[in-house]
C-alpha atoms as a PDB file:
ATOM      1  CA  UNK A   1     118.427 101.637  90.564  1.00  0.00           C
ATOM      2  CA  UNK A   2     115.221 102.700  92.348  1.00  0.00           C
ATOM      3  CA  UNK A   3     115.238 106.650  92.736  1.00  0.00           C
ATOM      4  CA  UNK A   4     115.378 107.921  96.092  1.00  0.00           C
ATOM      5  CA  UNK A   5     111.576 108.843  96.533  1.00  0.00           C
ATOM      6  CA  UNK A   6     110.928 104.958  95.591  1.00  0.00           C
ATOM      7  CA  UNK A   7     113.449 103.750  98.119  1.00  0.00           C
ATOM      8  CA  UNK A   8     112.035 105.764 100.758  1.00  0.00           C
ATOM      9  CA  UNK A   9     108.637 104.316  99.956  1.00  0.00           C
ATOM     10  CA  UNK A  10     109.876 100.623 100.259  1.00  0.00           C
ATOM     11  CA  UNK A  11     111.557 101.258 103.129  1.00  0.00           C
ATOM     12  CA  UNK A  12     108.243 102.828 104.719  1.00  0.00           C
ATOM     13  CA  UNK A  13     106.314  99.766 103.721  1.00  0.00           C
ATOM     14  CA  UNK A  14     108.944  97.668 105.293  1.00  0.00           C
ATOM     15  CA  UNK A  15     108.414  99.441 108.414  1.00  0.00           C
ATOM     16  CA  UNK A  16     104.766  99.303 108.142  1.00  0.00           C
ATOM     17  CA  UNK A  17     104.656  95.853 107.414  1.00  0.00           C
ATOM     18  CA  UNK A  18     107.342  94.395 110.109  1.00  0.00           C
ATOM     19  CA  UNK A  19     106.515  96.712 112.873  1.00  0.00           C
ATOM     20  CA  UNK A  20     103.788  99.165 112.604  1.00  0.00           C
ATOM     21  CA  UNK A  21     101.241  96.601 111.569  1.00  0.00           C
ATOM     22  CA  UNK A  22     102.193  93.663 113.500  1.00  0.00           C
ATOM     23  CA  UNK A  23     100.000  93.134 116.343  1.00  0.00           C
ATOM     24  CA  UNK A  24     102.776  90.791 118.017  1.00  0.00           C
ATOM     25  CA  UNK A  25     105.037  94.032 118.666  1.00  0.00           C
ATOM     26  CA  UNK A  26     104.538  96.102 121.642  1.00  0.00           C
ATOM     27  CA  UNK A  27     102.255  99.138 120.873  1.00  0.00           C
ATOM     28  CA  UNK A  28     104.878 101.771 121.818  1.00  0.00           C
ATOM     29  CA  UNK A  29     107.005 100.036 119.435  1.00  0.00           C
ATOM     30  CA  UNK A  30     104.207 100.052 116.616  1.00  0.00           C
ATOM     31  CA  UNK A  31     103.403 103.738 117.631  1.00  0.00           C
ATOM     32  CA  UNK A  32     106.990 104.808 116.956  1.00  0.00           C
ATOM     33  CA  UNK A  33     107.366 102.986 113.684  1.00  0.00           C
ATOM     34  CA  UNK A  34     103.908 104.501 112.687  1.00  0.00           C
ATOM     35  CA  UNK A  35     105.412 107.979 113.541  1.00  0.00           C
ATOM     36  CA  UNK A  36     108.849 107.259 111.476  1.00  0.00           C
ATOM     37  CA  UNK A  37     106.438 106.166 108.584  1.00  0.00           C
ATOM     38  CA  UNK A  38     104.582 109.324 108.857  1.00  0.00           C
ATOM     39  CA  UNK A  39     107.968 111.259 108.676  1.00  0.00           C
ATOM     40  CA  UNK A  40     108.847 109.491 105.623  1.00  0.00           C
ATOM     41  CA  UNK A  41     105.686 110.238 103.605  1.00  0.00           C
ATOM     42  CA  UNK A  42     105.477 113.916 104.543  1.00  0.00           C
ATOM     43  CA  UNK A  43     106.499 115.397 101.128  1.00  0.00           C
ATOM     44  CA  UNK A  44     106.179 118.938 102.595  1.00  0.00           C
ATOM     45  CA  UNK A  45     109.527 118.746 104.081  1.00  0.00           C
ATOM     46  CA  UNK A  46     112.942 118.334 102.490  1.00  0.00           C
ATOM     47  CA  UNK A  47     113.851 114.882 101.937  1.00  0.00           C
ATOM     48  CA  UNK A  48     116.879 114.724 104.070  1.00  0.00           C
ATOM     49  CA  UNK A  49     114.705 116.237 106.981  1.00  0.00           C
ATOM     50  CA  UNK A  50     112.255 113.382 106.573  1.00  0.00           C
ATOM     51  CA  UNK A  51     114.653 110.607 106.784  1.00  0.00           C
ATOM     52  CA  UNK A  52     116.487 112.218 109.521  1.00  0.00           C
ATOM     53  CA  UNK A  53     113.419 112.610 111.570  1.00  0.00           C
ATOM     54  CA  UNK A  54     112.424 108.697 110.709  1.00  0.00           C
ATOM     55  CA  UNK A  55     116.092 107.640 111.711  1.00  0.00           C
ATOM     56  CA  UNK A  56     115.513 109.687 115.228  1.00  0.00           C
ATOM     57  CA  UNK A  57     112.528 107.919 116.044  1.00  0.00           C
ATOM     58  CA  UNK A  58     113.530 104.559 115.294  1.00  0.00           C
ATOM     59  CA  UNK A  59     116.862 104.837 117.003  1.00  0.00           C
ATOM     60  CA  UNK A  60     115.029 106.013 120.228  1.00  0.00           C
ATOM     61  CA  UNK A  61     112.704 102.781 119.604  1.00  0.00           C
ATOM     62  CA  UNK A  62     116.189 100.694 119.488  1.00  0.00           C
ATOM     63  CA  UNK A  63     117.126 101.845 122.956  1.00  0.00           C
ATOM     64  CA  UNK A  64     113.874 100.428 124.558  1.00  0.00           C
ATOM     65  CA  UNK A  65     115.243  97.928 127.073  1.00  0.00           C
ATOM     66  CA  UNK A  66     111.904  96.025 126.416  1.00  0.00           C
ATOM     67  CA  UNK A  67     112.067  95.451 122.850  1.00  0.00           C
ATOM     68  CA  UNK A  68     111.771  91.992 121.591  1.00  0.00           C
ATOM     69  CA  UNK A  69     114.957  90.862 119.626  1.00  0.00           C
ATOM     70  CA  UNK A  70     113.030  90.439 116.285  1.00  0.00           C
ATOM     71  CA  UNK A  71     111.837  93.985 116.702  1.00  0.00           C
ATOM     72  CA  UNK A  72     115.132  95.432 117.407  1.00  0.00           C
ATOM     73  CA  UNK A  73     116.602  93.423 114.225  1.00  0.00           C
ATOM     74  CA  UNK A  74     113.907  94.903 112.126  1.00  0.00           C
ATOM     75  CA  UNK A  75     114.617  98.584 113.207  1.00  0.00           C
ATOM     76  CA  UNK A  76     118.595  98.046 112.596  1.00  0.00           C
ATOM     77  CA  UNK A  77     117.829  96.915 109.175  1.00  0.00           C
ATOM     78  CA  UNK A  78     115.751  99.584 108.521  1.00  0.00           C
ATOM     79  CA  UNK A  79     118.002 102.020 110.078  1.00  0.00           C
ATOM     80  CA  UNK A  80     120.911 100.866 107.946  1.00  0.00           C
ATOM     81  CA  UNK A  81     118.751 101.335 105.053  1.00  0.00           C
ATOM     82  CA  UNK A  82     117.635 104.736 106.215  1.00  0.00           C
ATOM     83  CA  UNK A  83     121.430 105.880 106.459  1.00  0.00           C
ATOM     84  CA  UNK A  84     122.223 104.455 103.009  1.00  0.00           C
ATOM     85  CA  UNK A  85     119.306 106.425 101.302  1.00  0.00           C
ATOM     86  CA  UNK A  86     120.610 109.709 103.369  1.00  0.00           C
ATOM     87  CA  UNK A  87     124.024 109.276 102.440  1.00  0.00           C
ATOM     88  CA  UNK A  88     122.888 109.233  98.623  1.00  0.00           C
ATOM     89  CA  UNK A  89     120.669 112.206  99.010  1.00  0.00           C
ATOM     90  CA  UNK A  90     123.601 114.177 100.897  1.00  0.00           C
ATOM     91  CA  UNK A  91     125.705 113.438  97.901  1.00  0.00           C
END
């Protein structure tokens, strides 16, 4: 099984590929996704704080009434991945 840091990096890469760098996604969603990636990759903070900050950003994005269904689905999948990682970190 991959280490916590490897899982965080894979999730950040998925977030970048599916949302942050996709020009078909609205600008505010791309910016929020990029912010979440920045939180995940900020190794100066504790791992659980990095993940929690990214979860908060993505949860806010998921409540946007104008979000396309594909973007919402991607966010929900990534949120589930991050919550799983957070659970492993806190145990």
